[in-house]
Amino acid sequence: MRSSRLRFFLDWLPWLVLAAVVCIPALRVPVVGTLQRGLLATGIMRPTLPETSPAAPAQPTTATGAVPYPDVPLLTLDGRPTNLRALRGKVVFLNLWATWCPPCVAELPSIQALAARVDTQRVAFALVSLDRQPRRAQVFARRQGLTLPIYFPAAPLPAPFETDAIPATFVVTPDGRVDFRHEGMADYDSPKVKSYLEGLAQP
């Protein structure tokens, strides 16, 4: 009898989850995000990293041919103004995300895990939230145990950070060149990504 009840429950479980997601909007992000996190755990969604370091497209150059460091005004989680330029000299892993975006929620743990394995004296992480209410990002970060710096745009994002899709991830070299750009979720916690970031950080 118990076995038949269990089988009945398991048969209906996917439909119950689907109904909950459709009928209770608050459950959509955590449920879909968890399912997508399981997909990332399979390792089939690794980012394609550049083999070399080509100059990023659409970046202006100075008269000497150098790429000026991107001017990206930001606000910290507690509302203080800062700028991406404050991280000049480090490799910067910049991720655009939002609490209402299930793929963003799904990939954040892999970014947190990656940050724990690299030298943060040479590689900086910047999670730039596109939430309209900073409080939501603050509460989300606390509940999820995120310890990486969270920022908010203080002005429209300049090229080459403009995008129509999130999550979007950019890697900026110490001199300000965008070396990597990826739109869509990915699993960043891998030895290959770690090696790539540390390679860019070499003097």
Protein backbone atom coordinates (compact mmCIF):
# COMPACT_ATOMS: atom_id res chain seq x y z
CA MET A 1 0.00 0.00 0.00
CA ARG A 2 2.80 2.39 0.95
CA SER A 3 4.61 1.56 -2.29
CA SER A 4 1.60 2.39 -4.42
CA ARG A 5 1.14 5.72 -2.62
CA LEU A 6 4.79 6.58 -3.16
CA ARG A 7 4.55 5.70 -6.83
CA PHE A 8 1.40 7.82 -7.17
CA PHE A 9 3.19 10.77 -5.51
CA LEU A 10 6.28 10.44 -7.71
CA ASP A 11 4.12 10.20 -10.84
CA TRP A 12 2.37 13.46 -9.96
CA LEU A 13 5.37 15.32 -8.52
CA PRO A 14 6.51 16.95 -11.81
CA TRP A 15 3.00 18.21 -12.46
CA LEU A 16 2.69 19.57 -8.93
CA VAL A 17 6.00 21.42 -9.31
CA LEU A 18 4.87 22.82 -12.68
CA ALA A 19 1.56 23.96 -11.23
CA ALA A 20 3.32 25.62 -8.30
CA VAL A 21 5.67 27.49 -10.63
CA VAL A 22 2.80 28.67 -12.85
CA CYS A 23 0.41 29.58 -10.03
CA ILE A 24 2.90 31.00 -7.52
CA PRO A 25 5.21 33.49 -9.30
CA ALA A 26 7.46 33.79 -6.25
CA LEU A 27 8.48 30.16 -6.73
CA ARG A 28 9.42 30.57 -10.39
CA VAL A 29 12.96 31.88 -9.95
CA PRO A 30 14.11 29.50 -7.19
CA VAL A 31 12.56 26.42 -8.80
CA VAL A 32 13.70 27.13 -12.36
CA GLY A 33 17.06 28.35 -11.09
CA THR A 34 17.58 25.12 -9.16
CA LEU A 35 16.71 23.02 -12.21
CA GLN A 36 19.12 25.04 -14.36
CA ARG A 37 21.81 24.70 -11.69
CA GLY A 38 21.41 20.94 -12.01
CA LEU A 39 21.95 21.32 -15.76
CA LEU A 40 25.13 23.31 -15.15
CA ALA A 41 26.38 20.59 -12.80
CA THR A 42 26.52 18.17 -15.73
CA GLY A 43 29.46 20.17 -17.12
CA ILE A 44 27.93 20.54 -20.59
CA MET A 45 27.69 24.34 -20.40
CA ARG A 46 31.32 25.40 -20.04
CA PRO A 47 32.17 28.81 -21.54
CA THR A 48 34.27 28.93 -24.69
CA LEU A 49 37.39 30.85 -23.73
CA PRO A 50 39.63 32.68 -26.21
CA GLU A 51 42.70 30.71 -27.22
CA THR A 52 44.66 33.93 -27.53
CA SER A 53 43.92 37.47 -26.43
CA PRO A 54 42.39 39.30 -29.40
CA ALA A 55 41.47 42.93 -29.09
CA ALA A 56 37.84 43.31 -28.17
CA PRO A 57 35.58 44.73 -30.91
CA ALA A 58 33.95 48.14 -30.66
CA GLN A 59 36.45 49.52 -28.16
CA PRO A 60 37.80 52.98 -28.94
CA THR A 61 41.52 53.63 -28.87
CA THR A 62 43.59 56.64 -27.98
CA ALA A 63 45.92 58.47 -30.38
CA THR A 64 48.67 56.04 -29.39
CA GLY A 65 46.48 53.04 -30.20
CA ALA A 66 45.93 52.09 -26.57
CA VAL A 67 42.48 51.11 -25.28
CA PRO A 68 41.33 53.55 -22.55
CA TYR A 69 40.18 51.87 -19.35
CA PRO A 70 36.36 51.58 -19.39
CA ASP A 71 34.53 54.31 -17.50
CA VAL A 72 31.75 52.41 -15.71
CA PRO A 73 30.15 54.40 -12.84
CA LEU A 74 28.81 52.03 -10.19
CA LEU A 75 27.17 52.08 -6.77
CA THR A 76 28.17 49.67 -4.02
CA LEU A 77 25.63 47.60 -2.14
CA ASP A 78 25.47 50.30 0.54
CA GLY A 79 25.02 53.11 -1.99
CA ARG A 80 28.57 54.49 -2.21
CA PRO A 81 29.72 55.68 -5.68
CA THR A 82 32.68 53.92 -7.29
CA ASN A 83 33.92 53.09 -10.77
CA LEU A 84 35.21 50.02 -12.55
CA ARG A 85 38.41 52.03 -12.99
CA ALA A 86 39.09 51.47 -9.29
CA LEU A 87 39.99 47.89 -10.26
CA ARG A 88 42.56 48.92 -12.88
CA GLY A 89 45.64 46.70 -12.67
CA LYS A 90 43.64 43.55 -11.92
CA VAL A 91 41.85 41.10 -14.15
CA VAL A 92 38.13 41.81 -13.63
CA PHE A 93 35.44 39.14 -13.92
CA LEU A 94 32.27 41.20 -14.37
CA ASN A 95 28.87 39.51 -14.35
CA LEU A 96 25.54 41.22 -15.15
CA TRP A 97 22.68 39.53 -13.31
CA ALA A 98 19.36 40.07 -11.52
CA THR A 99 17.40 38.28 -8.82
CA TRP A 100 14.44 37.81 -11.18
CA CYS A 101 16.58 35.97 -13.76
CA PRO A 102 16.63 32.15 -13.21
CA PRO A 103 19.76 31.52 -15.35
CA CYS A 104 21.58 34.24 -13.40
CA VAL A 105 20.63 32.60 -10.11
CA ALA A 106 21.70 29.23 -11.49
CA GLU A 107 25.25 30.29 -12.43
CA LEU A 108 26.09 32.49 -9.41
CA PRO A 109 27.27 29.57 -7.23
CA SER A 110 29.82 28.59 -9.90
CA ILE A 111 31.16 32.17 -9.92
CA GLN A 112 31.39 32.18 -6.13
CA ALA A 113 33.24 28.84 -6.23
CA LEU A 114 35.62 30.11 -8.92
CA ALA A 115 36.44 33.20 -6.86
CA ALA A 116 37.38 30.99 -3.93
CA ARG A 117 40.02 29.25 -6.07
CA VAL A 118 41.81 32.21 -7.65
CA ASP A 119 44.17 34.83 -6.26
CA THR A 120 41.85 37.74 -5.54
CA GLN A 121 44.85 40.04 -5.18
CA ARG A 122 45.21 39.76 -8.97
CA VAL A 123 41.66 38.85 -10.07
CA ALA A 124 38.66 40.93 -8.96
CA PHE A 125 35.02 39.90 -9.19
CA ALA A 126 32.18 42.36 -9.74
CA LEU A 127 28.56 41.18 -9.70
CA VAL A 128 26.59 44.03 -11.27
CA SER A 129 22.91 43.69 -10.38
CA LEU A 130 20.28 45.08 -12.73
CA ASP A 131 17.57 44.90 -10.07
CA ARG A 132 15.62 48.14 -9.82
CA GLN A 133 15.40 47.73 -6.06
CA PRO A 134 18.88 47.22 -4.55
CA ARG A 135 17.29 45.85 -1.39
CA ARG A 136 16.24 42.73 -3.31
CA ALA A 137 19.80 41.99 -4.35
CA GLN A 138 20.99 42.62 -0.80
CA VAL A 139 18.46 40.19 0.70
CA PHE A 140 19.13 37.61 -2.02
CA ALA A 141 22.89 37.78 -1.48
CA ARG A 142 22.50 37.28 2.26
CA ARG A 143 20.15 34.32 1.85
CA GLN A 144 22.37 32.66 -0.75
CA GLY A 145 25.59 33.28 1.15
CA LEU A 146 27.13 35.35 -1.66
CA THR A 147 30.27 37.11 -0.47
CA LEU A 148 31.42 38.64 -3.76
CA PRO A 149 31.14 42.42 -4.21
CA ILE A 150 27.76 43.48 -5.60
CA TYR A 151 27.35 46.73 -7.52
CA PHE A 152 24.60 48.57 -9.38
CA PRO A 153 24.97 50.68 -12.54
CA ALA A 154 25.03 54.39 -11.74
CA ALA A 155 24.64 55.23 -15.44
CA PRO A 156 23.88 53.35 -18.67
CA LEU A 157 26.54 50.73 -19.31
CA PRO A 158 28.96 51.80 -22.05
CA ALA A 159 30.18 49.71 -24.95
CA PRO A 160 31.45 47.01 -24.84
CA PHE A 161 29.25 46.12 -21.84
CA GLU A 162 25.96 46.83 -23.59
CA THR A 163 23.83 43.71 -23.97
CA ASP A 164 20.23 42.68 -24.56
CA ALA A 165 20.57 39.49 -22.54
CA ILE A 166 21.49 38.44 -19.03
CA PRO A 167 23.32 36.81 -17.51
CA ALA A 168 26.23 38.34 -19.36
CA THR A 169 29.85 37.92 -18.33
CA PHE A 170 32.90 39.96 -19.29
CA VAL A 171 36.58 39.54 -18.45
CA VAL A 172 38.60 42.75 -18.47
CA THR A 173 42.39 42.69 -18.65
CA PRO A 174 44.48 44.77 -16.20
CA ASP A 175 44.90 47.49 -18.84
CA GLY A 176 41.16 47.72 -19.58
CA ARG A 177 40.65 45.53 -22.65
CA VAL A 178 37.59 43.26 -22.71
CA ASP A 179 39.10 39.90 -23.57
CA PHE A 180 36.04 37.69 -23.04
CA ARG A 181 32.29 38.15 -23.42
CA HIS A 182 29.59 35.54 -22.89
CA GLU A 183 25.80 35.97 -22.90
CA GLY A 184 23.74 33.25 -21.25
CA MET A 185 24.41 31.02 -18.29
CA ALA A 186 27.55 28.95 -17.96
CA ASP A 187 29.47 26.94 -15.39
CA TYR A 188 32.58 28.98 -14.58
CA ASP A 189 33.98 26.82 -11.80
CA SER A 190 36.56 24.89 -13.81
CA PRO A 191 40.36 24.57 -13.90
CA LYS A 192 40.33 25.95 -17.44
CA VAL A 193 38.62 29.20 -16.43
CA LYS A 194 40.91 29.52 -13.40
CA SER A 195 43.98 29.03 -15.60
CA TYR A 196 42.66 31.56 -18.14
CA LEU A 197 42.12 34.27 -15.51
CA GLU A 198 45.48 33.68 -13.87
CA GLY A 199 47.17 33.72 -17.28
CA LEU A 200 45.72 37.18 -18.02
CA ALA A 201 46.91 38.37 -14.62
CA GLN A 202 50.55 37.52 -15.34
CA PRO A 203 52.67 40.69 -15.64
